[in-house]
Every structure is written in C-alpha cells, then in structure tokens.
C-alpha cells in the first residue's frame, strides 16, 4: 500500500483515465494530500474572486430581463457549480487519494485475464479517454471564445452587472477571466475522477463475473472454493 500521507497526487497520473483530471488539479495547486498554509490561502483567494464575480452577477437580476435574465441564471449556476465542487474537492481530496491507491494496489490487474478481456478493456479505456479529451477541448474552446466576447458586443464574458466605471469594469472582467478558467479546471477535473473511478468499478465487476464463471468450471473442488472465496472478498471490497 502506498504511503498516502506523503505521496503526491501526480504519482497516480499513469492510472487509466486519471491523467487528465490530475493534471487539471495540478493547475489549481491541488497536488498534495497535506494541505499547506499556502494552499489554504490560495483556496480563500479563489473563493473571494468567485464571490466577487457572483455578487455582480446577482445584482444583474435587478437590471435585466428577457433573454439576458436567463443568461444571468446560467451564470449563477456556472459559478455555483464551481463553489460546490471546489468545496467537495478540498474536503474529500484525502478520500480521492485512497481511491486512487486502491485502484493501483487492490484492483485486479486487467492483464491477468484473457486476451479478449485485455483487448476489450483497452478499447473501453481508449474510448473514454477520447471522450474526456474531446469534452475538455470543447470546454477550453468555449472558454477562449468567451474571453473574446467583450470585444464583439461590449458585454462581460459572464452575464453581469457593469458599474460603468473603468476601474470596476477592468476588475470585474479580469476576475471573470480568472474564475472562468478555475471553474472549468475544477468542474471537469472533479467529474473526470468520478467517471474514471466508475469505469474502473464496472470493469472490475466484469472481471469478477468472469472469475466466478471460471471458478465454477474448475475440476478441483479445493481450488474452486479458494477462487470463490477470493471473488467474494473482492466483491465485498468493491462495495465497501
């Protein structure tokens, strides 16, 4: 078992489907299990920036209507999603370490099964990783497109109240740029950890089913019992 007290989260980046989310977390400083004072200050800074942006978004409800009212609601949802998942990431990062450690050390090795399973699992990993890459690329393209929005229609990147002061406008716009990037990295990274873990669990259950079927076909009753006991223990572990 890895020593999760000192292990850096990037040590798990070679696990199937985890490289992208862990690299995203690295961009926002979430690379260690131990939360340093600097990381706490950085989290507070991120929350302050998002709350600052969210304040002007909420104020915009009193000055807009129609389609822009709906866009303001979308902006509130966008920023609220960041605050929720950033909080969950901060609170449960140690749990994420333990999950990654279990995937690396306690999950059955996919290479120990038949060539069919190896090929099938490799295809699933490849497909999911491709989907991850496409979603991330699309999200970043949308993000960069929003960066250019003020140059085309004079609106903020995130639908927001504009105080009509150059200093305030600049502060809000820069805060929106920063908060939007952090939101994309946090939300996608957190979702990808969940998706990656779910895919591993589904594949482990497939391997478990295959192991049970193989055990029932054993001629030796003793070997069948041993393999069934191992399968039951692994099943209990997966559901624990």
Protein backbone atom coordinates (compact mmCIF):
# COMPACT_ATOMS: atom_id res chain seq x y z
CA UNK A 1 0.00 0.00 0.00
CA UNK A 2 1.28 3.48 -0.83
CA UNK A 3 2.05 5.94 1.95
CA UNK A 4 -0.74 8.37 1.20
CA UNK A 5 0.47 10.84 3.83
CA UNK A 6 3.44 11.88 1.73
CA UNK A 7 2.50 10.70 -1.75
CA UNK A 8 1.99 13.36 -4.38
CA UNK A 9 -1.23 13.04 -6.34
CA UNK A 10 0.75 13.17 -9.60
CA UNK A 11 2.20 9.75 -8.71
CA UNK A 12 -1.12 8.27 -9.83
CA UNK A 13 -1.14 10.01 -13.21
CA UNK A 14 -0.32 6.76 -15.01
CA UNK A 15 -3.56 5.13 -13.84
CA UNK A 16 -6.01 4.67 -16.70
CA UNK A 17 -8.34 7.67 -17.15
CA UNK A 18 -6.79 9.62 -14.24
CA UNK A 19 -4.01 11.51 -16.04
CA UNK A 20 -6.25 14.31 -17.37
CA UNK A 21 -8.11 15.14 -14.12
CA UNK A 22 -4.96 15.00 -12.01
CA UNK A 23 -3.16 17.33 -14.39
CA UNK A 24 -6.13 19.71 -14.18
CA UNK A 25 -5.92 19.62 -10.39
CA UNK A 26 -2.22 20.41 -10.62
CA UNK A 27 -3.06 23.67 -12.39
CA UNK A 28 -5.07 24.80 -9.35
CA UNK A 29 -2.47 23.67 -6.83
CA UNK A 30 -4.26 20.53 -5.62
CA UNK A 31 -1.25 18.22 -5.94
CA UNK A 32 -0.61 17.09 -2.39
CA UNK A 33 -2.60 15.27 0.27
CA UNK A 34 -1.29 17.55 3.00
CA UNK A 35 -2.96 20.95 2.85
CA UNK A 36 -0.33 23.62 3.36
CA UNK A 37 -0.94 27.12 4.64
CA UNK A 38 -0.17 28.45 1.18
CA UNK A 39 -2.80 26.19 -0.38
CA UNK A 40 -5.39 27.32 2.17
CA UNK A 41 -4.66 30.96 1.31
CA UNK A 42 -4.90 30.14 -2.39
CA UNK A 43 -8.29 28.49 -1.86
CA UNK A 44 -9.51 31.53 0.06
CA UNK A 45 -8.29 33.73 -2.78
CA UNK A 46 -10.19 31.62 -5.33
CA UNK A 47 -13.38 31.76 -3.27
CA UNK A 48 -13.06 35.53 -2.88
CA UNK A 49 -12.64 36.05 -6.62
CA UNK A 50 -15.66 33.88 -7.43
CA UNK A 51 -17.82 35.52 -4.74
CA UNK A 52 -16.78 38.93 -6.11
CA UNK A 53 -17.90 37.90 -9.61
CA UNK A 54 -21.04 36.22 -8.30
CA UNK A 55 -22.07 39.39 -6.44
CA UNK A 56 -22.25 41.44 -9.65
CA UNK A 57 -23.99 38.57 -11.43
CA UNK A 58 -26.73 38.51 -8.78
CA UNK A 59 -27.03 42.32 -8.86
CA UNK A 60 -27.67 42.00 -12.60
CA UNK A 61 -31.06 40.39 -11.87
CA UNK A 62 -32.36 43.85 -10.90
CA UNK A 63 -31.26 45.49 -14.16
CA UNK A 64 -32.04 42.94 -16.84
CA UNK A 65 -34.92 40.98 -18.31
CA UNK A 66 -35.79 38.60 -21.09
CA UNK A 67 -33.01 36.52 -22.60
CA UNK A 68 -30.34 38.29 -20.53
CA UNK A 69 -32.22 37.34 -17.37
CA UNK A 70 -31.96 33.69 -18.40
CA UNK A 71 -28.25 34.12 -19.17
CA UNK A 72 -27.78 35.61 -15.72
CA UNK A 73 -29.35 32.49 -14.22
CA UNK A 74 -26.94 30.40 -16.26
CA UNK A 75 -24.03 32.44 -14.91
CA UNK A 76 -25.19 31.86 -11.33
CA UNK A 77 -25.42 28.12 -11.97
CA UNK A 78 -21.97 28.11 -13.62
CA UNK A 79 -20.26 29.80 -10.67
CA UNK A 80 -22.27 27.91 -8.03
CA UNK A 81 -21.17 24.63 -9.59
CA UNK A 82 -17.56 25.67 -9.11
CA UNK A 83 -18.07 26.59 -5.47
CA UNK A 84 -19.76 23.26 -4.74
CA UNK A 85 -17.20 21.05 -6.48
CA UNK A 86 -14.23 23.09 -5.26
CA UNK A 87 -15.53 22.61 -1.71
CA UNK A 88 -16.03 18.87 -2.28
CA UNK A 89 -12.55 18.56 -3.78
CA UNK A 90 -11.00 20.41 -0.85
CA UNK A 91 -12.90 18.33 1.70
CA UNK A 92 -12.54 14.91 0.09
CA UNK A 93 -9.09 15.10 -1.50
CA UNK A 94 -7.76 12.57 1.02
CA UNK A 95 -10.55 10.19 0.01
CA UNK A 96 -9.57 10.64 -3.63
CA UNK A 97 -6.02 9.59 -2.69
CA UNK A 98 -7.31 6.44 -1.02
CA UNK A 99 -9.47 5.58 -4.03
CA UNK A 100 -6.53 6.02 -6.40
CA UNK A 101 -4.33 3.96 -4.11
CA UNK A 102 -6.91 1.15 -4.09
CA UNK A 103 -7.20 1.25 -7.89
CA UNK A 104 -3.43 0.93 -8.15
CA UNK A 105 -2.82 -1.72 -5.48
CA UNK A 106 -6.04 -3.64 -4.73
CA UNK A 107 -7.95 -3.72 -8.01
CA UNK A 108 -7.34 -6.85 -10.06
CA UNK A 109 -4.79 -6.44 -12.82
CA UNK A 110 -6.54 -6.39 -16.18
CA UNK A 111 -3.52 -8.12 -17.74
CA UNK A 112 -4.12 -11.25 -15.68
CA UNK A 113 -7.22 -12.19 -17.63
CA UNK A 114 -7.90 -13.43 -21.13
CA UNK A 115 -6.76 -11.66 -24.27
CA UNK A 116 -10.39 -10.88 -25.03
CA UNK A 117 -10.78 -9.02 -21.76
CA UNK A 118 -7.47 -7.23 -22.19
CA UNK A 119 -8.47 -6.07 -25.68
CA UNK A 120 -11.99 -5.14 -24.60
CA UNK A 121 -10.84 -3.15 -21.56
CA UNK A 122 -8.17 -1.38 -23.60
CA UNK A 123 -10.84 -0.36 -26.10
CA UNK A 124 -13.07 0.98 -23.32
CA UNK A 125 -10.21 2.97 -21.79
CA UNK A 126 -9.30 4.38 -25.19
CA UNK A 127 -12.89 5.41 -25.93
CA UNK A 128 -13.45 7.05 -22.55
CA UNK A 129 -10.13 8.88 -22.75
CA UNK A 130 -11.04 10.13 -26.23
CA UNK A 131 -14.37 11.41 -24.89
CA UNK A 132 -12.55 13.09 -21.99
CA UNK A 133 -10.16 14.81 -24.39
CA UNK A 134 -12.97 15.98 -26.70
CA UNK A 135 -15.04 17.39 -23.81
CA UNK A 136 -12.04 19.18 -22.33
CA UNK A 137 -11.03 20.59 -25.72
CA UNK A 138 -14.56 21.82 -26.37
CA UNK A 139 -14.79 23.40 -22.91
CA UNK A 140 -11.48 25.22 -23.40
CA UNK A 141 -12.54 26.44 -26.86
CA UNK A 142 -15.78 27.80 -25.39
CA UNK A 143 -13.79 29.41 -22.59
CA UNK A 144 -11.44 31.15 -25.02
CA UNK A 145 -14.42 32.21 -27.14
CA UNK A 146 -15.95 33.85 -24.07
CA UNK A 147 -12.70 35.70 -23.50
CA UNK A 148 -13.27 37.50 -26.80
CA UNK A 149 -16.92 38.34 -26.13
CA UNK A 150 -16.26 41.88 -24.75
CA UNK A 151 -14.51 42.80 -28.00
CA UNK A 152 -17.57 41.93 -30.10
CA UNK A 153 -20.66 43.05 -28.18
CA UNK A 154 -19.28 45.02 -25.24
CA UNK A 155 -20.74 42.50 -22.78
CA UNK A 156 -18.88 40.80 -19.97
CA UNK A 157 -17.72 37.21 -20.52
CA UNK A 158 -20.14 36.13 -17.79
CA UNK A 159 -23.52 37.89 -17.82
CA UNK A 160 -23.09 40.50 -15.11
CA UNK A 161 -23.93 43.99 -13.94
CA UNK A 162 -21.49 46.62 -15.23
CA UNK A 163 -20.93 49.61 -12.90
CA UNK A 164 -19.78 51.81 -15.86
CA UNK A 165 -16.51 52.63 -14.17
CA UNK A 166 -13.28 51.79 -15.97
CA UNK A 167 -11.59 50.58 -12.79
CA UNK A 168 -14.56 48.43 -11.74
CA UNK A 169 -15.09 47.15 -15.28
CA UNK A 170 -11.46 46.06 -15.52
CA UNK A 171 -11.55 44.40 -12.09
CA UNK A 172 -14.76 42.51 -12.89
CA UNK A 173 -13.58 41.42 -16.33
CA UNK A 174 -10.22 40.16 -15.06
CA UNK A 175 -11.95 38.36 -12.20
CA UNK A 176 -14.33 36.73 -14.66
CA UNK A 177 -11.44 35.55 -16.82
CA UNK A 178 -9.72 34.01 -13.83
CA UNK A 179 -12.80 32.48 -12.21
CA UNK A 180 -14.00 31.01 -15.52
CA UNK A 181 -10.69 29.19 -16.06
CA UNK A 182 -10.57 27.88 -12.49
CA UNK A 183 -14.19 26.75 -12.80
CA UNK A 184 -13.53 24.80 -16.00
CA UNK A 185 -10.47 23.07 -14.50
CA UNK A 186 -12.20 22.24 -11.21
CA UNK A 187 -15.55 21.04 -12.53
CA UNK A 188 -14.13 18.92 -15.35
CA UNK A 189 -11.34 17.52 -13.17
CA UNK A 190 -13.75 16.54 -10.40
CA UNK A 191 -16.21 14.97 -12.83
CA UNK A 192 -13.44 13.04 -14.59
CA UNK A 193 -12.24 11.49 -11.31
CA UNK A 194 -15.80 10.29 -10.70
CA UNK A 195 -16.14 8.97 -14.26
CA UNK A 196 -12.74 7.26 -14.18
CA UNK A 197 -13.49 5.57 -10.87
CA UNK A 198 -16.91 4.44 -12.12
CA UNK A 199 -15.41 2.91 -15.26
CA UNK A 200 -12.84 1.01 -13.18
CA UNK A 201 -15.59 -0.31 -10.89
CA UNK A 202 -17.70 -1.50 -13.82
CA UNK A 203 -14.71 -3.28 -15.37
CA UNK A 204 -13.78 -4.86 -12.05
CA UNK A 205 -17.30 -6.25 -11.78
CA UNK A 206 -16.95 -7.70 -15.26
CA UNK A 207 -13.69 -9.36 -14.22
CA UNK A 208 -15.37 -10.62 -11.06
CA UNK A 209 -18.15 -12.22 -13.10
CA UNK A 210 -15.59 -13.87 -15.36
CA UNK A 211 -13.56 -15.14 -12.38
CA UNK A 212 -16.67 -16.72 -10.83
CA UNK A 213 -17.57 -18.41 -14.11
CA UNK A 214 -14.01 -19.74 -14.43
CA UNK A 215 -14.07 -20.97 -10.83
CA UNK A 216 -17.24 -22.97 -11.37
CA UNK A 217 -15.51 -24.74 -14.24
CA UNK A 218 -12.58 -25.91 -12.08
CA UNK A 219 -12.19 -29.68 -11.69
CA UNK A 220 -10.55 -29.31 -8.29
CA UNK A 221 -13.15 -28.59 -5.59
CA UNK A 222 -10.49 -27.10 -3.31
CA UNK A 223 -9.25 -24.70 -5.99
CA UNK A 224 -12.84 -23.77 -6.81
CA UNK A 225 -13.51 -22.89 -3.17
CA UNK A 226 -10.34 -20.81 -2.91
CA UNK A 227 -11.16 -18.84 -6.04
CA UNK A 228 -14.76 -18.34 -4.93
CA UNK A 229 -13.56 -17.04 -1.54
CA UNK A 230 -11.22 -14.65 -3.33
CA UNK A 231 -14.08 -13.50 -5.58
CA UNK A 232 -16.38 -12.94 -2.60
CA UNK A 233 -13.71 -10.93 -0.78
CA UNK A 234 -13.09 -8.79 -3.85
CA UNK A 235 -16.84 -8.26 -4.27
CA UNK A 236 -17.10 -7.10 -0.64
CA UNK A 237 -14.14 -4.76 -1.17
CA UNK A 238 -15.67 -3.19 -4.28
CA UNK A 239 -18.92 -2.47 -2.46
CA UNK A 240 -17.25 -1.25 0.74
